[in-house]
Amino acid sequence: MQTIYYLPKSNFMKQRIFFGSGCVIVITIIIYISLNSFNKNSSEVSIAIDLTDSLRPDPNGMEIYSALDLDKYKYAKIKIKINTFSNFDYNSSSTLKLPAKFLLLSNPEERDSAIKAFKDCFCTKLDGVSLQAKGLPKSSIYGPMIRDLNRLARSTAENKIAVYFTDCRENSSIFSAYNKNHLDSLKVNPKKVRELFEEVEKPNNLNGLRIFLICNPTSKEENNGFELMSKLFKQILIDAGAKVYVGADLNF
């Protein structure tokens, strides 16, 4: 004789609820891990080229990309914003994005192709900016730089990097690095000059940001001007929590 067992309805319902709850928990965990993996090792980079610095070499896109080590994490999200410093306080910019991919659901060959296309697009955009007219007589650097850094500080990216190709020689309504009296004031009383700049724009909390001020001076005058101004900018940015590097290239 065959014995048939009937599962009480109440127990059956409990199992269904338990199973359903378990599925929800598993799905929630997967979504949580996926979202965190998208932000983990993600990078946001802001690059600005000073159009008023006629003596600087043109930045090489592939060298910059390699120096920033953006390929270290193949599936991480990358965002790059390319700006300019000019005689305007506000300048147009281009933004490039490489979305993150979930490792277990990605095709390695497709990801390699996407990375290559992203690199090529970056180099093309950067070359286009570098070819713009240079040697403009007025440099509005400090204000646009601080606004850009405050924007970058709000990013949820794990790695936040700013690279500024500029001689740092502000020549605006705030201050002129080409005015001897202004330079003398900076040498004698840097605190007063700093207060002048910070009245116009002040950095927020820049913890976690790495900032590179890049210039390759070709004359003693340009070098002296760069040293004075970059020292002022560096101290303001360090006091706001950023790590700041000053040099002729990205090989720090």
Protein backbone atom coordinates (compact mmCIF):
# COMPACT_ATOMS: atom_id res chain seq x y z
CA MET A 1 0.00 0.00 0.00
CA GLN A 2 1.34 3.42 -0.97
CA THR A 3 1.40 5.95 1.79
CA ILE A 4 0.72 9.55 0.83
CA TYR A 5 1.80 12.33 3.12
CA TYR A 6 0.10 15.68 3.00
CA LEU A 7 2.04 18.77 4.04
CA PRO A 8 -0.11 20.92 6.28
CA LYS A 9 -1.14 24.07 4.46
CA SER A 10 0.22 26.33 7.14
CA ASN A 11 3.71 24.78 6.89
CA PHE A 12 3.58 24.97 3.11
CA MET A 13 2.78 28.67 3.27
CA LYS A 14 5.58 29.23 5.76
CA GLN A 15 8.05 27.57 3.41
CA ARG A 16 6.89 29.70 0.50
CA ILE A 17 7.26 32.86 2.57
CA PHE A 18 10.66 31.74 3.81
CA PHE A 19 11.79 30.90 0.28
CA GLY A 20 10.48 34.22 -1.05
CA SER A 21 12.18 36.16 1.72
CA GLY A 22 15.42 34.32 1.06
CA CYS A 23 15.28 35.23 -2.64
CA VAL A 24 14.70 38.88 -1.80
CA ILE A 25 17.68 38.87 0.58
CA VAL A 26 19.94 37.19 -2.00
CA ILE A 27 18.86 39.60 -4.76
CA THR A 28 19.39 42.56 -2.41
CA ILE A 29 22.89 41.35 -1.56
CA ILE A 30 23.75 40.87 -5.24
CA ILE A 31 22.48 44.37 -6.10
CA TYR A 32 24.39 45.85 -3.15
CA ILE A 33 27.64 44.12 -4.15
CA SER A 34 27.16 45.12 -7.79
CA LEU A 35 26.54 48.78 -6.97
CA ASN A 36 29.52 48.88 -4.62
CA SER A 37 31.71 47.22 -7.22
CA PHE A 38 30.72 49.94 -9.68
CA ASN A 39 32.02 52.64 -7.32
CA LYS A 40 34.95 50.60 -6.04
CA ASN A 41 38.19 51.66 -7.77
CA SER A 42 36.23 54.14 -9.92
CA SER A 43 38.09 57.23 -11.07
CA GLU A 44 37.08 60.77 -11.91
CA VAL A 45 39.70 62.97 -13.53
CA SER A 46 39.61 66.67 -14.36
CA ILE A 47 42.18 68.03 -16.81
CA ALA A 48 42.64 71.70 -17.67
CA ILE A 49 45.01 73.25 -20.19
CA ASP A 50 46.03 76.88 -19.87
CA LEU A 51 45.50 78.59 -23.23
CA THR A 52 47.36 81.66 -21.97
CA ASP A 53 50.63 79.80 -21.54
CA SER A 54 52.19 79.96 -25.01
CA LEU A 55 55.49 78.37 -23.94
CA ARG A 56 54.15 75.11 -22.54
CA PRO A 57 54.49 71.83 -24.47
CA ASP A 58 51.27 70.23 -25.65
CA PRO A 59 50.13 67.45 -23.30
CA ASN A 60 50.29 63.95 -24.77
CA GLY A 61 46.99 62.18 -24.24
CA MET A 62 48.32 58.61 -24.16
CA GLU A 63 51.14 59.56 -21.78
CA ILE A 64 48.66 61.24 -19.42
CA TYR A 65 46.29 58.28 -19.53
CA SER A 66 49.13 55.85 -18.79
CA ALA A 67 50.63 58.02 -16.03
CA LEU A 68 47.29 58.14 -14.21
CA ASP A 69 47.17 54.33 -14.25
CA LEU A 70 43.49 54.31 -15.21
CA ASP A 71 43.71 50.79 -16.66
CA LYS A 72 44.71 49.30 -13.33
CA TYR A 73 41.14 48.23 -12.66
CA LYS A 74 39.74 47.01 -15.95
CA TYR A 75 36.05 47.01 -15.05
CA ALA A 76 35.93 50.19 -12.95
CA LYS A 77 34.07 53.34 -13.95
CA ILE A 78 36.11 56.21 -15.41
CA LYS A 79 34.98 59.78 -15.97
CA ILE A 80 37.25 62.45 -17.48
CA LYS A 81 36.45 66.11 -17.85
CA ILE A 82 38.62 68.25 -20.13
CA ASN A 83 38.62 72.01 -19.47
CA THR A 84 40.62 75.10 -20.34
CA PHE A 85 42.00 78.11 -18.51
CA SER A 86 41.64 81.27 -20.57
CA ASN A 87 40.69 84.92 -20.25
CA PHE A 88 37.21 83.84 -19.15
CA ASP A 89 36.05 82.79 -15.67
CA TYR A 90 33.84 80.11 -17.21
CA ASN A 91 35.00 77.88 -20.06
CA SER A 92 33.41 75.13 -22.09
CA SER A 93 34.35 71.55 -21.28
CA SER A 94 34.04 68.00 -22.61
CA THR A 95 33.12 65.01 -20.46
CA LEU A 96 33.95 61.41 -21.34
CA LYS A 97 32.54 58.40 -19.49
CA LEU A 98 33.45 54.74 -19.43
CA PRO A 99 30.70 52.90 -17.47
CA ALA A 100 31.61 50.25 -14.92
CA LYS A 101 30.91 46.63 -15.74
CA PHE A 102 30.10 43.77 -13.40
CA LEU A 103 33.02 41.35 -13.74
CA LEU A 104 30.97 38.13 -13.71
CA LEU A 105 28.61 39.38 -16.43
CA SER A 106 31.21 40.96 -18.73
CA ASN A 107 32.91 39.85 -21.89
CA PRO A 108 36.68 40.58 -21.55
CA GLU A 109 37.17 41.20 -25.28
CA GLU A 110 34.25 43.62 -25.42
CA ARG A 111 35.62 45.46 -22.39
CA ASP A 112 39.06 45.73 -24.00
CA SER A 113 37.46 47.22 -27.11
CA ALA A 114 35.46 49.70 -25.01
CA ILE A 115 38.61 50.78 -23.15
CA LYS A 116 40.52 51.28 -26.41
CA ALA A 117 37.69 53.37 -27.88
CA PHE A 118 37.59 55.44 -24.68
CA LYS A 119 41.35 56.07 -24.84
CA ASP A 120 41.19 57.07 -28.50
CA CYS A 121 38.32 59.46 -27.84
CA PHE A 122 40.20 60.99 -24.90
CA CYS A 123 43.34 61.58 -26.96
CA THR A 124 41.33 63.13 -29.80
CA LYS A 125 39.49 65.49 -27.42
CA LEU A 126 42.70 66.50 -25.66
CA ASP A 127 44.49 67.14 -28.96
CA GLY A 128 41.58 69.34 -30.03
CA VAL A 129 41.94 71.48 -26.91
CA SER A 130 45.72 71.66 -27.29
CA LEU A 131 45.36 72.99 -30.82
CA GLN A 132 43.30 75.97 -29.68
CA ALA A 133 44.90 79.42 -29.79
CA LYS A 134 47.43 80.08 -27.04
CA GLY A 135 49.25 83.10 -25.68
CA LEU A 136 46.18 85.03 -24.55
CA PRO A 137 47.17 88.06 -22.44
CA LYS A 138 44.90 87.35 -19.50
CA SER A 139 44.75 84.26 -17.30
CA SER A 140 41.79 83.53 -15.07
CA ILE A 141 43.13 80.47 -13.29
CA TYR A 142 42.35 80.49 -9.58
CA GLY A 143 38.55 80.92 -9.74
CA PRO A 144 37.89 78.24 -12.40
CA MET A 145 40.33 75.89 -10.68
CA ILE A 146 38.64 76.15 -7.27
CA ARG A 147 35.16 75.74 -8.76
CA ASP A 148 36.33 72.68 -10.65
CA LEU A 149 37.90 71.17 -7.52
CA ASN A 150 34.81 71.81 -5.42
CA ARG A 151 32.76 70.00 -8.09
CA LEU A 152 35.25 67.13 -8.15
CA ALA A 153 35.17 66.87 -4.35
CA ARG A 154 31.45 66.05 -4.52
CA SER A 155 32.08 63.07 -6.78
CA THR A 156 31.38 59.57 -5.43
CA ALA A 157 34.40 58.17 -7.29
CA GLU A 158 37.01 56.42 -5.18
CA ASN A 159 39.95 58.07 -7.00
CA LYS A 160 39.65 61.80 -7.67
CA ILE A 161 42.43 63.44 -9.66
CA ALA A 162 42.92 66.94 -11.10
CA VAL A 163 45.69 67.72 -13.59
CA TYR A 164 46.28 71.36 -14.49
CA PHE A 165 48.73 72.33 -17.21
CA THR A 166 49.37 75.95 -16.33
CA ASP A 167 52.10 78.42 -15.39
CA CYS A 168 49.76 79.50 -12.53
CA ARG A 169 50.39 83.15 -13.39
CA GLU A 170 47.05 84.71 -12.57
CA ASN A 171 46.39 87.86 -14.58
CA SER A 172 42.84 88.84 -13.76
CA SER A 173 40.90 91.38 -11.73
CA ILE A 174 41.98 89.52 -8.57
CA PHE A 175 45.72 89.69 -9.06
CA SER A 176 48.33 90.03 -11.80
CA ALA A 177 51.50 87.96 -11.69
CA TYR A 178 52.82 90.30 -14.38
CA ASN A 179 52.52 93.33 -12.10
CA LYS A 180 55.72 93.94 -10.11
CA ASN A 181 53.85 95.57 -7.23
CA HIS A 182 51.52 92.60 -6.95
CA LEU A 183 54.42 90.15 -6.99
CA ASP A 184 56.27 92.17 -4.36
CA SER A 185 53.14 92.08 -2.20
CA LEU A 186 53.01 88.28 -2.59
CA LYS A 187 56.64 87.96 -1.51
CA VAL A 188 56.30 90.26 1.50
CA ASN A 189 52.81 89.38 2.69
CA PRO A 190 51.55 86.10 1.16
CA LYS A 191 48.83 85.83 3.82
CA LYS A 192 47.22 89.09 2.65
CA VAL A 193 47.31 87.99 -1.00
CA ARG A 194 45.84 84.64 -0.04
CA GLU A 195 42.94 86.36 1.74
CA LEU A 196 42.35 88.37 -1.43
CA PHE A 197 41.98 85.20 -3.48
CA GLU A 198 39.83 83.42 -0.91
CA GLU A 199 37.40 86.32 -0.75
CA VAL A 200 36.51 85.52 -4.35
CA GLU A 201 36.59 81.69 -4.28
CA LYS A 202 37.31 79.36 -1.39
CA PRO A 203 37.90 75.60 -1.59
CA ASN A 204 35.57 73.26 0.27
CA ASN A 205 36.80 70.04 1.88
CA LEU A 206 39.20 68.54 -0.68
CA ASN A 207 40.13 65.43 1.28
CA GLY A 208 40.91 62.53 -1.03
CA LEU A 209 41.83 64.67 -4.05
CA ARG A 210 45.19 64.43 -5.79
CA ILE A 211 46.08 67.61 -7.64
CA PHE A 212 48.91 68.05 -10.14
CA LEU A 213 50.14 71.52 -11.17
CA ILE A 214 52.24 70.96 -14.29
CA CYS A 215 54.53 73.50 -15.93
CA ASN A 216 57.87 73.29 -17.72
CA PRO A 217 59.28 76.85 -17.58
CA THR A 218 61.64 77.88 -20.36
CA SER A 219 62.98 81.08 -18.81
CA LYS A 220 64.07 82.33 -15.41
CA GLU A 221 61.23 84.87 -15.37
CA GLU A 222 58.61 82.24 -16.10
CA ASN A 223 60.12 79.89 -13.54
CA ASN A 224 60.11 82.57 -10.82
CA GLY A 225 56.49 83.45 -11.56
CA PHE A 226 55.45 79.80 -11.55
CA GLU A 227 57.23 79.11 -8.25
CA LEU A 228 55.62 82.06 -6.47
CA MET A 229 52.09 81.42 -7.70
CA SER A 230 52.18 77.62 -7.46
CA LYS A 231 53.44 77.88 -3.88
CA LEU A 232 50.45 80.09 -2.99
CA PHE A 233 47.95 77.80 -4.74
CA LYS A 234 49.54 74.66 -3.27
CA GLN A 235 49.25 75.91 0.30
CA ILE A 236 45.61 76.88 -0.16
CA LEU A 237 44.81 73.43 -1.58
CA ILE A 238 46.80 71.51 1.04
CA ASP A 239 45.05 73.40 3.84
CA ALA A 240 41.75 72.29 2.27
CA GLY A 241 42.84 68.64 2.57
CA ALA A 242 44.20 67.83 -0.90
CA LYS A 243 47.47 66.19 -1.84
CA VAL A 244 49.27 68.53 -4.23
CA TYR A 245 52.16 67.80 -6.59
CA VAL A 246 54.05 70.51 -8.47
CA GLY A 247 56.44 69.73 -11.29
CA ALA A 248 57.27 69.59 -14.98
CA ASP A 249 55.39 66.33 -15.66
CA LEU A 250 53.29 63.59 -14.06
CA ASN A 251 56.26 61.40 -13.10
CA PHE A 252 56.17 62.03 -9.34
